[in-house]
Amino acid sequence: VIDHPKYQESKRIAIFLSMPDEVQTEEIIKDIFKQGKECFIPRYKPQSNHMDMLKLSSAEDISALALTSWNILQPSDDDTAREEALAGGGLDLIFMPGLGFDKKGNRLGRGKGYYDTYLERCMKHPCGKPYTIALAFREQICESVPVTENDVPIDEILYEDC
C-alpha cells in the first residue's frame, strides 16, 4: 500500500479504522503521519447513511476516540473542532473497507450506503472525486457482487498477490 503511486502522490487521505475482520490499517495510518500527509477517518451518523471524514491530529489521537455501538472507533458527535475533509481541501485518496468485491470495481459494503453517499458528495466538491482503493483479502474477491444504481464503483482493489 505505502509503495502505491496514488498513495505516494496523495496529500489528503481518508482511511477506515479497521475492525478485527478487516485488513488492518494501523501501520498505514502511522505511515500517513510519518510522511507528513493529512489523515481523515469516518464518523458515521446512526439512523442515516450520512458519514463525514474528520481529520486526525496524530496516530495516537485514535486512542482518545469513542467506541460506537458497532464497535467502531470514531470522533464523538460533540467533537466539533476537527476539520471535515469536504469543508476544507477535499480528499486525494480514500481507502475503503468492504465485505466483498468484484474485479469490475463493485463493492459490497455493510448495507447502509455510507461510502456511496459520501462519494456522491465528493463529486459535487470543487476538488472532485478522490481516487478510491479498497483494501481486501483475496477471499473477498468474487465473480460478481450485487449492485444498485446508487453504488459508486471503486477505482482499484488491493489484495495479496493482486
N, C-alpha and C. Protein backbone atom coordinates (compact mmCIF):
# COMPACT_ATOMS: atom_id res chain seq x y z
N VAL A 1 0.83 -1.20 0.00
CA VAL A 1 0.00 0.00 0.00
C VAL A 1 0.86 1.25 0.00
N ILE A 2 1.86 1.30 0.88
CA ILE A 2 2.63 2.54 1.00
C ILE A 2 3.56 2.78 -0.19
N ASP A 3 3.78 1.77 -1.02
CA ASP A 3 4.56 1.96 -2.25
C ASP A 3 3.67 2.31 -3.44
N HIS A 4 2.37 2.27 -3.27
CA HIS A 4 1.43 2.53 -4.37
C HIS A 4 1.60 3.98 -4.86
N PRO A 5 1.69 4.19 -6.17
CA PRO A 5 1.88 5.56 -6.69
C PRO A 5 0.80 6.55 -6.26
N LYS A 6 -0.45 6.11 -6.20
CA LYS A 6 -1.53 7.02 -5.79
C LYS A 6 -1.36 7.42 -4.32
N TYR A 7 -0.92 6.49 -3.50
CA TYR A 7 -0.66 6.80 -2.09
C TYR A 7 0.49 7.80 -1.99
N GLN A 8 1.55 7.52 -2.73
CA GLN A 8 2.73 8.38 -2.67
C GLN A 8 2.42 9.82 -3.07
N GLU A 9 1.57 10.00 -4.08
CA GLU A 9 1.29 11.36 -4.57
C GLU A 9 0.18 12.07 -3.79
N SER A 10 -0.55 11.34 -2.97
CA SER A 10 -1.68 11.92 -2.24
C SER A 10 -1.22 12.64 -0.98
N LYS A 11 -1.87 13.77 -0.70
CA LYS A 11 -1.57 14.55 0.49
C LYS A 11 -2.67 14.43 1.54
N ARG A 12 -3.92 14.30 1.08
CA ARG A 12 -5.08 14.23 1.99
C ARG A 12 -5.74 12.88 1.78
N ILE A 13 -5.63 12.01 2.80
CA ILE A 13 -6.04 10.61 2.67
C ILE A 13 -7.08 10.27 3.74
N ALA A 14 -8.16 9.62 3.31
CA ALA A 14 -9.15 9.10 4.25
C ALA A 14 -8.96 7.59 4.34
N ILE A 15 -9.03 7.08 5.55
CA ILE A 15 -8.83 5.65 5.77
C ILE A 15 -9.73 5.20 6.93
N PHE A 16 -10.22 3.98 6.85
CA PHE A 16 -11.07 3.45 7.90
C PHE A 16 -10.21 2.90 9.03
N LEU A 17 -10.75 2.94 10.24
CA LEU A 17 -10.13 2.29 11.39
C LEU A 17 -10.66 0.86 11.38
N SER A 18 -9.78 -0.08 11.14
CA SER A 18 -10.21 -1.45 10.85
C SER A 18 -10.84 -2.16 12.04
N MET A 19 -11.82 -2.99 11.69
CA MET A 19 -12.44 -3.90 12.64
C MET A 19 -11.62 -5.20 12.58
N PRO A 20 -11.80 -6.11 13.54
CA PRO A 20 -10.97 -7.33 13.56
C PRO A 20 -11.03 -8.17 12.27
N ASP A 21 -12.16 -8.14 11.56
CA ASP A 21 -12.29 -8.98 10.37
C ASP A 21 -11.91 -8.25 9.07
N GLU A 22 -11.29 -7.08 9.19
CA GLU A 22 -10.89 -6.30 8.02
C GLU A 22 -9.37 -6.22 7.92
N VAL A 23 -8.88 -5.85 6.74
CA VAL A 23 -7.45 -5.60 6.57
C VAL A 23 -7.07 -4.53 7.60
N GLN A 24 -6.02 -4.81 8.35
CA GLN A 24 -5.62 -3.91 9.42
C GLN A 24 -4.93 -2.66 8.87
N THR A 25 -5.36 -1.49 9.34
CA THR A 25 -4.88 -0.23 8.77
C THR A 25 -3.95 0.56 9.69
N GLU A 26 -3.67 0.06 10.87
CA GLU A 26 -2.89 0.82 11.84
C GLU A 26 -1.53 1.26 11.30
N GLU A 27 -0.82 0.36 10.63
CA GLU A 27 0.51 0.70 10.10
C GLU A 27 0.43 1.71 8.97
N ILE A 28 -0.63 1.64 8.18
CA ILE A 28 -0.82 2.63 7.10
C ILE A 28 -1.06 4.00 7.73
N ILE A 29 -1.87 4.06 8.76
CA ILE A 29 -2.15 5.33 9.44
C ILE A 29 -0.87 5.91 10.01
N LYS A 30 -0.04 5.08 10.63
CA LYS A 30 1.24 5.56 11.16
C LYS A 30 2.10 6.13 10.04
N ASP A 31 2.10 5.46 8.88
CA ASP A 31 2.91 5.94 7.75
C ASP A 31 2.37 7.25 7.20
N ILE A 32 1.05 7.43 7.18
CA ILE A 32 0.46 8.69 6.70
C ILE A 32 1.07 9.85 7.50
N PHE A 33 1.12 9.70 8.82
CA PHE A 33 1.69 10.76 9.65
C PHE A 33 3.20 10.86 9.48
N LYS A 34 3.88 9.73 9.36
CA LYS A 34 5.33 9.73 9.17
C LYS A 34 5.71 10.48 7.90
N GLN A 35 4.88 10.35 6.86
CA GLN A 35 5.16 11.01 5.57
C GLN A 35 4.68 12.46 5.54
N GLY A 36 4.06 12.93 6.63
CA GLY A 36 3.59 14.31 6.68
C GLY A 36 2.32 14.57 5.88
N LYS A 37 1.54 13.51 5.64
CA LYS A 37 0.27 13.65 4.94
C LYS A 37 -0.84 13.94 5.95
N GLU A 38 -2.01 14.35 5.47
CA GLU A 38 -3.15 14.58 6.35
C GLU A 38 -4.04 13.35 6.34
N CYS A 39 -4.50 12.95 7.52
CA CYS A 39 -5.26 11.72 7.69
C CYS A 39 -6.68 12.04 8.17
N PHE A 40 -7.66 11.46 7.47
CA PHE A 40 -9.07 11.64 7.81
C PHE A 40 -9.70 10.27 8.04
N ILE A 41 -10.61 10.21 9.01
CA ILE A 41 -11.29 8.95 9.31
C ILE A 41 -12.80 9.16 9.31
N PRO A 42 -13.57 8.09 9.09
CA PRO A 42 -15.02 8.25 9.05
C PRO A 42 -15.66 8.50 10.41
N ARG A 43 -16.73 9.31 10.38
CA ARG A 43 -17.66 9.42 11.51
C ARG A 43 -19.04 9.16 10.90
N TYR A 44 -19.64 8.06 11.31
CA TYR A 44 -20.95 7.64 10.81
C TYR A 44 -22.04 8.24 11.68
N LYS A 45 -23.13 8.63 11.05
CA LYS A 45 -24.29 9.09 11.81
C LYS A 45 -25.30 7.94 11.85
N PRO A 46 -25.59 7.40 13.04
CA PRO A 46 -26.56 6.30 13.15
C PRO A 46 -27.93 6.74 12.64
N GLN A 47 -28.74 5.79 12.26
CA GLN A 47 -30.10 6.03 11.76
C GLN A 47 -30.11 6.85 10.47
N SER A 48 -29.01 6.87 9.73
CA SER A 48 -28.96 7.57 8.45
C SER A 48 -27.87 6.92 7.61
N ASN A 49 -27.62 7.48 6.41
CA ASN A 49 -26.50 7.00 5.62
C ASN A 49 -25.46 8.11 5.47
N HIS A 50 -25.46 9.05 6.44
CA HIS A 50 -24.54 10.19 6.40
C HIS A 50 -23.23 9.84 7.11
N MET A 51 -22.13 10.19 6.45
CA MET A 51 -20.81 9.98 7.01
C MET A 51 -19.97 11.21 6.66
N ASP A 52 -19.12 11.62 7.59
CA ASP A 52 -18.14 12.67 7.35
C ASP A 52 -16.76 12.06 7.50
N MET A 53 -15.77 12.69 6.92
CA MET A 53 -14.37 12.29 7.11
C MET A 53 -13.70 13.39 7.92
N LEU A 54 -13.32 13.04 9.15
CA LEU A 54 -12.76 14.02 10.08
C LEU A 54 -11.26 13.81 10.25
N LYS A 55 -10.56 14.91 10.43
CA LYS A 55 -9.09 14.89 10.48
C LYS A 55 -8.58 14.40 11.84
N LEU A 56 -7.60 13.52 11.77
CA LEU A 56 -6.86 13.09 12.96
C LEU A 56 -5.64 13.99 13.10
N SER A 57 -5.24 14.28 14.34
CA SER A 57 -4.05 15.11 14.54
C SER A 57 -2.78 14.26 14.63
N SER A 58 -2.93 12.97 14.98
CA SER A 58 -1.79 12.07 15.08
C SER A 58 -2.32 10.64 15.15
N ALA A 59 -1.42 9.67 14.98
CA ALA A 59 -1.83 8.27 15.11
C ALA A 59 -2.28 7.99 16.55
N GLU A 60 -1.68 8.67 17.52
CA GLU A 60 -2.03 8.48 18.92
C GLU A 60 -3.42 9.04 19.24
N ASP A 61 -3.88 9.97 18.42
CA ASP A 61 -5.20 10.59 18.57
C ASP A 61 -6.31 9.52 18.57
N ILE A 62 -6.06 8.38 17.94
CA ILE A 62 -7.06 7.31 17.84
C ILE A 62 -7.47 6.81 19.23
N SER A 63 -6.52 6.77 20.17
CA SER A 63 -6.83 6.24 21.49
C SER A 63 -7.83 7.11 22.26
N ALA A 64 -8.05 8.35 21.83
CA ALA A 64 -8.99 9.24 22.50
C ALA A 64 -10.40 9.17 21.89
N LEU A 65 -10.59 8.36 20.86
CA LEU A 65 -11.87 8.30 20.16
C LEU A 65 -12.89 7.45 20.93
N ALA A 66 -14.15 7.73 20.67
CA ALA A 66 -15.25 7.00 21.32
C ALA A 66 -15.57 5.72 20.54
N LEU A 67 -16.00 4.68 21.24
CA LEU A 67 -16.40 3.42 20.63
C LEU A 67 -17.91 3.46 20.42
N THR A 68 -18.34 3.20 19.18
CA THR A 68 -19.77 3.23 18.87
C THR A 68 -20.42 1.89 19.23
N SER A 69 -21.73 1.84 19.10
CA SER A 69 -22.47 0.59 19.36
C SER A 69 -22.08 -0.50 18.36
N TRP A 70 -21.47 -0.09 17.22
CA TRP A 70 -20.99 -1.08 16.23
C TRP A 70 -19.56 -1.51 16.50
N ASN A 71 -19.00 -1.08 17.65
CA ASN A 71 -17.60 -1.36 18.00
C ASN A 71 -16.62 -0.71 17.03
N ILE A 72 -16.96 0.48 16.57
CA ILE A 72 -16.09 1.24 15.68
C ILE A 72 -15.63 2.48 16.44
N LEU A 73 -14.34 2.75 16.40
CA LEU A 73 -13.82 3.98 17.00
C LEU A 73 -14.08 5.14 16.04
N GLN A 74 -14.61 6.24 16.56
CA GLN A 74 -14.81 7.42 15.73
C GLN A 74 -14.94 8.65 16.63
N PRO A 75 -14.71 9.84 16.06
CA PRO A 75 -14.90 11.05 16.85
C PRO A 75 -16.35 11.15 17.31
N SER A 76 -16.56 11.64 18.53
CA SER A 76 -17.91 11.75 19.06
C SER A 76 -18.68 12.87 18.36
N ASP A 77 -19.99 12.83 18.48
CA ASP A 77 -20.84 13.83 17.83
C ASP A 77 -20.55 15.25 18.33
N ASP A 78 -20.14 15.37 19.58
CA ASP A 78 -19.87 16.72 20.10
C ASP A 78 -18.44 17.18 19.83
N ASP A 79 -17.68 16.38 19.10
CA ASP A 79 -16.31 16.75 18.70
C ASP A 79 -16.42 17.61 17.44
N THR A 80 -16.49 18.92 17.63
CA THR A 80 -16.70 19.83 16.50
C THR A 80 -15.42 20.56 16.08
N ALA A 81 -14.32 20.28 16.75
CA ALA A 81 -13.07 21.00 16.46
C ALA A 81 -12.34 20.43 15.24
N ARG A 82 -12.65 19.21 14.86
CA ARG A 82 -11.91 18.57 13.77
C ARG A 82 -12.37 19.07 12.41
N GLU A 83 -11.40 19.20 11.50
CA GLU A 83 -11.73 19.58 10.13
C GLU A 83 -12.46 18.44 9.43
N GLU A 84 -13.54 18.76 8.73
CA GLU A 84 -14.20 17.79 7.86
C GLU A 84 -13.59 17.97 6.48
N ALA A 85 -13.20 16.87 5.85
CA ALA A 85 -12.44 16.93 4.60
C ALA A 85 -13.10 17.79 3.53
N LEU A 86 -14.41 17.68 3.37
CA LEU A 86 -15.08 18.42 2.30
C LEU A 86 -15.31 19.88 2.65
N ALA A 87 -15.15 20.25 3.93
CA ALA A 87 -15.23 21.65 4.32
C ALA A 87 -13.89 22.33 4.05
N GLY A 88 -12.87 21.53 3.80
CA GLY A 88 -11.54 22.06 3.50
C GLY A 88 -11.17 21.76 2.06
N GLY A 89 -10.02 21.17 1.88
CA GLY A 89 -9.48 20.95 0.54
C GLY A 89 -9.87 19.65 -0.12
N GLY A 90 -10.92 18.99 0.37
CA GLY A 90 -11.31 17.72 -0.23
C GLY A 90 -10.34 16.61 0.12
N LEU A 91 -10.39 15.53 -0.65
CA LEU A 91 -9.52 14.38 -0.42
C LEU A 91 -8.85 13.97 -1.74
N ASP A 92 -7.65 13.42 -1.63
CA ASP A 92 -6.96 12.90 -2.81
C ASP A 92 -7.21 11.40 -2.97
N LEU A 93 -7.38 10.71 -1.84
CA LEU A 93 -7.45 9.25 -1.84
C LEU A 93 -8.33 8.79 -0.68
N ILE A 94 -9.15 7.78 -0.96
CA ILE A 94 -9.93 7.14 0.12
C ILE A 94 -9.64 5.64 0.07
N PHE A 95 -9.18 5.10 1.20
CA PHE A 95 -9.07 3.65 1.37
C PHE A 95 -10.40 3.17 1.93
N MET A 96 -10.96 2.14 1.30
CA MET A 96 -12.31 1.69 1.67
C MET A 96 -12.34 0.25 2.12
N PRO A 97 -13.18 -0.04 3.12
CA PRO A 97 -13.40 -1.42 3.54
C PRO A 97 -14.54 -2.02 2.72
N GLY A 98 -14.84 -3.26 2.97
CA GLY A 98 -16.00 -3.89 2.33
C GLY A 98 -16.05 -5.36 2.70
N LEU A 99 -17.19 -5.98 2.39
CA LEU A 99 -17.37 -7.41 2.66
C LEU A 99 -16.99 -8.25 1.44
N GLY A 100 -17.25 -7.72 0.25
CA GLY A 100 -16.93 -8.44 -0.98
C GLY A 100 -16.71 -7.47 -2.12
N PHE A 101 -15.93 -7.90 -3.10
CA PHE A 101 -15.58 -7.06 -4.24
C PHE A 101 -15.53 -7.91 -5.49
N ASP A 102 -15.78 -7.28 -6.65
CA ASP A 102 -15.51 -7.99 -7.90
C ASP A 102 -14.50 -7.18 -8.70
N LYS A 103 -13.97 -7.81 -9.75
CA LYS A 103 -12.87 -7.17 -10.49
C LYS A 103 -13.35 -6.04 -11.40
N LYS A 104 -14.67 -5.78 -11.41
CA LYS A 104 -15.20 -4.64 -12.18
C LYS A 104 -15.27 -3.39 -11.31
N GLY A 105 -14.82 -3.50 -10.05
CA GLY A 105 -14.83 -2.34 -9.16
C GLY A 105 -16.08 -2.22 -8.32
N ASN A 106 -16.91 -3.25 -8.33
CA ASN A 106 -18.10 -3.22 -7.49
C ASN A 106 -17.74 -3.66 -6.08
N ARG A 107 -18.39 -3.04 -5.11
CA ARG A 107 -18.09 -3.29 -3.71
C ARG A 107 -19.38 -3.57 -2.95
N LEU A 108 -19.32 -4.58 -2.11
CA LEU A 108 -20.43 -4.88 -1.21
C LEU A 108 -20.02 -4.41 0.17
N GLY A 109 -20.72 -3.39 0.66
CA GLY A 109 -20.43 -2.86 1.99
C GLY A 109 -21.31 -3.53 3.03
N ARG A 110 -21.59 -2.80 4.08
CA ARG A 110 -22.41 -3.36 5.16
C ARG A 110 -23.88 -2.95 5.02
N GLY A 111 -24.23 -2.34 3.89
CA GLY A 111 -25.64 -2.15 3.56
C GLY A 111 -26.26 -0.79 3.82
N LYS A 112 -25.51 0.13 4.41
CA LYS A 112 -26.11 1.44 4.72
C LYS A 112 -25.82 2.49 3.65
N GLY A 113 -24.84 2.26 2.78
CA GLY A 113 -24.54 3.20 1.71
C GLY A 113 -23.71 4.40 2.14
N TYR A 114 -23.02 4.31 3.27
CA TYR A 114 -22.24 5.44 3.76
C TYR A 114 -21.21 5.93 2.74
N TYR A 115 -20.40 5.00 2.23
CA TYR A 115 -19.33 5.41 1.31
C TYR A 115 -19.91 5.90 -0.01
N ASP A 116 -20.95 5.26 -0.53
CA ASP A 116 -21.54 5.70 -1.79
C ASP A 116 -22.10 7.12 -1.65
N THR A 117 -22.78 7.39 -0.55
CA THR A 117 -23.34 8.72 -0.31
C THR A 117 -22.21 9.74 -0.16
N TYR A 118 -21.14 9.36 0.53
CA TYR A 118 -20.02 10.28 0.71
C TYR A 118 -19.35 10.58 -0.64
N LEU A 119 -19.17 9.56 -1.47
CA LEU A 119 -18.55 9.78 -2.78
C LEU A 119 -19.41 10.68 -3.65
N GLU A 120 -20.71 10.57 -3.53
CA GLU A 120 -21.60 11.48 -4.26
C GLU A 120 -21.35 12.92 -3.82
N ARG A 121 -21.18 13.13 -2.53
CA ARG A 121 -20.86 14.47 -2.02
C ARG A 121 -19.51 14.94 -2.54
N CYS A 122 -18.54 14.04 -2.61
CA CYS A 122 -17.21 14.38 -3.13
C CYS A 122 -17.30 14.88 -4.58
N MET A 123 -18.15 14.23 -5.36
CA MET A 123 -18.27 14.59 -6.77
C MET A 123 -18.80 16.01 -6.95
N LYS A 124 -19.49 16.53 -5.95
CA LYS A 124 -20.01 17.90 -6.01
C LYS A 124 -19.00 18.92 -5.45
N HIS A 125 -17.93 18.43 -4.83
CA HIS A 125 -16.91 19.30 -4.24
C HIS A 125 -16.02 19.85 -5.36
N PRO A 126 -15.53 21.08 -5.22
CA PRO A 126 -14.65 21.64 -6.26
C PRO A 126 -13.43 20.78 -6.59
N CYS A 127 -12.93 20.02 -5.61
CA CYS A 127 -11.75 19.16 -5.86
C CYS A 127 -12.14 17.86 -6.55
N GLY A 128 -13.42 17.55 -6.60
CA GLY A 128 -13.88 16.35 -7.30
C GLY A 128 -13.71 15.07 -6.51
N LYS A 129 -14.02 13.96 -7.17
CA LYS A 129 -13.98 12.64 -6.54
C LYS A 129 -12.53 12.21 -6.33
N PRO A 130 -12.21 11.79 -5.11
CA PRO A 130 -10.86 11.25 -4.87
C PRO A 130 -10.72 9.86 -5.49
N TYR A 131 -9.49 9.43 -5.67
CA TYR A 131 -9.20 8.08 -6.12
C TYR A 131 -9.60 7.13 -4.98
N THR A 132 -10.20 6.01 -5.31
CA THR A 132 -10.65 5.07 -4.27
C THR A 132 -9.96 3.73 -4.42
N ILE A 133 -9.45 3.23 -3.30
CA ILE A 133 -8.79 1.92 -3.26
C ILE A 133 -9.42 1.11 -2.14
N ALA A 134 -9.92 -0.06 -2.49
CA ALA A 134 -10.44 -0.98 -1.48
C ALA A 134 -9.30 -1.86 -0.99
N LEU A 135 -9.26 -2.09 0.32
CA LEU A 135 -8.28 -3.00 0.91
C LEU A 135 -9.01 -4.29 1.24
N ALA A 136 -8.56 -5.39 0.65
CA ALA A 136 -9.32 -6.64 0.76
C ALA A 136 -8.40 -7.84 0.99
N PHE A 137 -9.00 -8.91 1.46
CA PHE A 137 -8.35 -10.21 1.49
C PHE A 137 -8.71 -10.92 0.19
N ARG A 138 -7.85 -11.77 -0.29
CA ARG A 138 -8.09 -12.50 -1.55
C ARG A 138 -9.44 -13.21 -1.51
N GLU A 139 -9.81 -13.73 -0.34
CA GLU A 139 -11.06 -14.47 -0.20
C GLU A 139 -12.30 -13.59 -0.40
N GLN A 140 -12.13 -12.28 -0.37
CA GLN A 140 -13.26 -11.37 -0.55
C GLN A 140 -13.52 -11.03 -2.01
N ILE A 141 -12.66 -11.49 -2.92
CA ILE A 141 -12.82 -11.20 -4.34
C ILE A 141 -13.78 -12.23 -4.94
N CYS A 142 -14.88 -11.74 -5.49
CA CYS A 142 -15.95 -12.59 -6.01
C CYS A 142 -16.06 -12.42 -7.52
N GLU A 143 -16.77 -13.34 -8.14
CA GLU A 143 -17.07 -13.22 -9.57
C GLU A 143 -17.90 -11.97 -9.82
N SER A 144 -18.92 -11.75 -9.00
CA SER A 144 -19.70 -10.52 -9.08
C SER A 144 -20.37 -10.28 -7.73
N VAL A 145 -20.62 -9.01 -7.45
CA VAL A 145 -21.36 -8.65 -6.24
C VAL A 145 -22.59 -7.85 -6.67
N PRO A 146 -23.70 -7.95 -5.92
CA PRO A 146 -24.91 -7.23 -6.29
C PRO A 146 -24.71 -5.72 -6.13
N VAL A 147 -25.20 -4.96 -7.11
CA VAL A 147 -25.10 -3.50 -7.04
C VAL A 147 -26.44 -2.87 -7.42
N THR A 148 -26.60 -1.63 -7.00
CA THR A 148 -27.77 -0.84 -7.40
C THR A 148 -27.27 0.40 -8.13
N GLU A 149 -28.19 1.21 -8.63
CA GLU A 149 -27.79 2.42 -9.36
C GLU A 149 -27.13 3.45 -8.45
N ASN A 150 -27.28 3.31 -7.13
CA ASN A 150 -26.65 4.25 -6.19
C ASN A 150 -25.23 3.85 -5.81
N ASP A 151 -24.80 2.65 -6.19
CA ASP A 151 -23.46 2.19 -5.83
C ASP A 151 -22.41 2.84 -6.73
N VAL A 152 -21.38 3.41 -6.11
CA VAL A 152 -20.30 4.06 -6.85
C VAL A 152 -19.14 3.06 -6.96
N PRO A 153 -18.74 2.70 -8.20
CA PRO A 153 -17.62 1.74 -8.35
C PRO A 153 -16.32 2.32 -7.77
N ILE A 154 -15.49 1.43 -7.26
CA ILE A 154 -14.20 1.86 -6.75
C ILE A 154 -13.17 1.77 -7.87
N ASP A 155 -12.10 2.55 -7.74
CA ASP A 155 -11.10 2.62 -8.80
C ASP A 155 -10.18 1.40 -8.83
N GLU A 156 -9.88 0.86 -7.65
CA GLU A 156 -8.89 -0.22 -7.59
C GLU A 156 -9.09 -1.04 -6.30
N ILE A 157 -8.78 -2.33 -6.39
CA ILE A 157 -8.83 -3.20 -5.22
C ILE A 157 -7.43 -3.74 -4.98
N LEU A 158 -6.93 -3.58 -3.78
CA LEU A 158 -5.62 -4.13 -3.41
C LEU A 158 -5.86 -5.33 -2.50
N TYR A 159 -5.22 -6.43 -2.85
CA TYR A 159 -5.26 -7.62 -2.01
C TYR A 159 -3.97 -8.39 -2.27
N GLU A 160 -3.69 -9.36 -1.42
CA GLU A 160 -2.47 -10.16 -1.57
C GLU A 160 -2.34 -10.72 -2.97
N ASP A 161 -1.18 -10.60 -3.57
CA ASP A 161 -0.87 -11.18 -4.88
C ASP A 161 -1.80 -10.69 -5.99
N CYS A 162 -2.33 -9.47 -5.88
CA CYS A 162 -3.22 -8.99 -6.94
C CYS A 162 -2.43 -8.51 -8.14
